[in-house]
Amino acid sequence: LKGESHGKLEGCQKADYEHDSHFQLYDQLSSEDRIFFSVGEEGESKADVALRAVPVIKRICAEHPGENVVIVTHGGVLKFLNFLLGRYT
């Protein structure tokens, strides 16, 4: 599963985009509000990632009941999925 898209800031280092106005808005938000706001303009929010990833995981589970399956993704996606499952605070 692809990681979260940072839109126009994709591929930039944090030091390179700390002066970006969209990122500055994101940086001022609470953790809860960041769920619905992308790091970079035209990027994905964590909620967007969940809307994309959860149906794929459900489909994989339905297609492979009782089987061991490896899903490869990025840490941000894993962190948010664990949060949704109540395993991460």
Protein backbone atom coordinates (compact mmCIF):
# COMPACT_ATOMS: atom_id res chain seq x y z
CA LEU A 1 0.00 0.00 0.00
CA LYS A 2 1.36 3.38 -0.98
CA GLY A 3 2.27 5.77 1.77
CA GLU A 4 0.56 9.09 2.40
CA SER A 5 0.99 11.57 -0.45
CA HIS A 6 2.36 14.94 0.60
CA GLY A 7 1.20 16.54 -2.65
CA LYS A 8 3.33 19.47 -3.80
CA LEU A 9 5.80 18.73 -1.00
CA GLU A 10 6.35 15.11 -2.07
CA GLY A 11 10.02 14.22 -1.92
CA CYS A 12 11.06 17.35 -0.02
CA GLN A 13 12.89 17.28 3.28
CA LYS A 14 11.11 18.89 6.25
CA ALA A 15 13.71 21.66 6.40
CA ASP A 16 12.85 22.48 2.77
CA TYR A 17 9.12 22.97 3.37
CA GLU A 18 8.88 24.50 6.84
CA HIS A 19 8.24 27.88 5.16
CA ASP A 20 5.41 26.54 2.97
CA SER A 21 2.12 28.24 3.96
CA HIS A 22 0.06 25.02 3.72
CA PHE A 23 2.53 23.14 5.92
CA GLN A 24 2.55 25.99 8.42
CA LEU A 25 -1.25 25.62 8.77
CA TYR A 26 -0.85 21.84 9.20
CA ASP A 27 1.90 22.32 11.77
CA GLN A 28 -0.36 24.48 13.96
CA LEU A 29 -3.21 21.92 14.09
CA SER A 30 -3.90 19.52 16.93
CA SER A 31 -3.22 15.82 16.36
CA GLU A 32 -6.95 15.20 15.94
CA ASP A 33 -7.36 17.95 13.33
CA ARG A 34 -4.32 16.74 11.40
CA ILE A 35 -6.24 13.55 10.61
CA PHE A 36 -8.32 15.56 8.12
CA PHE A 37 -5.65 17.93 6.73
CA SER A 38 -2.82 17.04 4.37
CA VAL A 39 0.82 17.84 5.09
CA GLY A 40 1.21 19.41 1.66
CA GLU A 41 -1.18 21.13 -0.71
CA GLU A 42 -2.90 18.60 -3.01
CA GLY A 43 -1.74 15.77 -0.74
CA GLU A 44 -3.67 13.19 1.25
CA SER A 45 -4.88 13.50 4.81
CA LYS A 46 -4.63 10.52 7.14
CA ALA A 47 -8.39 10.11 6.69
CA ASP A 48 -7.85 9.93 2.91
CA VAL A 49 -5.25 7.21 3.44
CA ALA A 50 -7.68 5.24 5.61
CA LEU A 51 -10.43 5.57 2.98
CA ARG A 52 -8.00 4.16 0.43
CA ALA A 53 -6.30 1.48 2.55
CA VAL A 54 -9.08 -0.02 4.67
CA PRO A 55 -11.15 -1.34 1.72
CA VAL A 56 -8.03 -2.96 0.25
CA ILE A 57 -7.23 -4.67 3.55
CA LYS A 58 -10.84 -5.84 3.90
CA ARG A 59 -10.72 -7.27 0.36
CA ILE A 60 -7.44 -9.07 1.07
CA CYS A 61 -8.91 -10.56 4.27
CA ALA A 62 -12.03 -11.70 2.42
CA GLU A 63 -9.98 -13.30 -0.37
CA HIS A 64 -7.62 -15.10 2.05
CA PRO A 65 -9.64 -16.24 5.07
CA GLY A 66 -7.53 -18.04 7.67
CA GLU A 67 -4.35 -17.51 5.65
CA ASN A 68 -1.21 -15.62 6.59
CA VAL A 69 -0.75 -12.67 4.26
CA VAL A 70 2.01 -10.07 4.14
CA ILE A 71 0.99 -6.51 3.35
CA VAL A 72 3.81 -4.08 2.66
CA THR A 73 3.32 -0.40 3.37
CA HIS A 74 4.88 2.62 5.03
CA GLY A 75 5.11 3.46 8.73
CA GLY A 76 2.59 6.29 8.53
CA VAL A 77 -0.04 4.00 7.04
CA LEU A 78 0.67 1.34 9.68
CA LYS A 79 0.51 3.89 12.48
CA PHE A 80 -2.88 5.17 11.37
CA LEU A 81 -4.31 1.68 10.76
CA ASN A 82 -3.20 0.66 14.26
CA PHE A 83 -4.87 3.81 15.59
CA LEU A 84 -8.12 2.82 13.84
CA LEU A 85 -7.87 -0.64 15.39
CA GLY A 86 -7.39 0.87 18.85
CA ARG A 87 -3.86 -0.46 19.17
CA TYR A 88 -2.06 2.87 19.06
CA THR A 89 -2.60 6.08 20.97
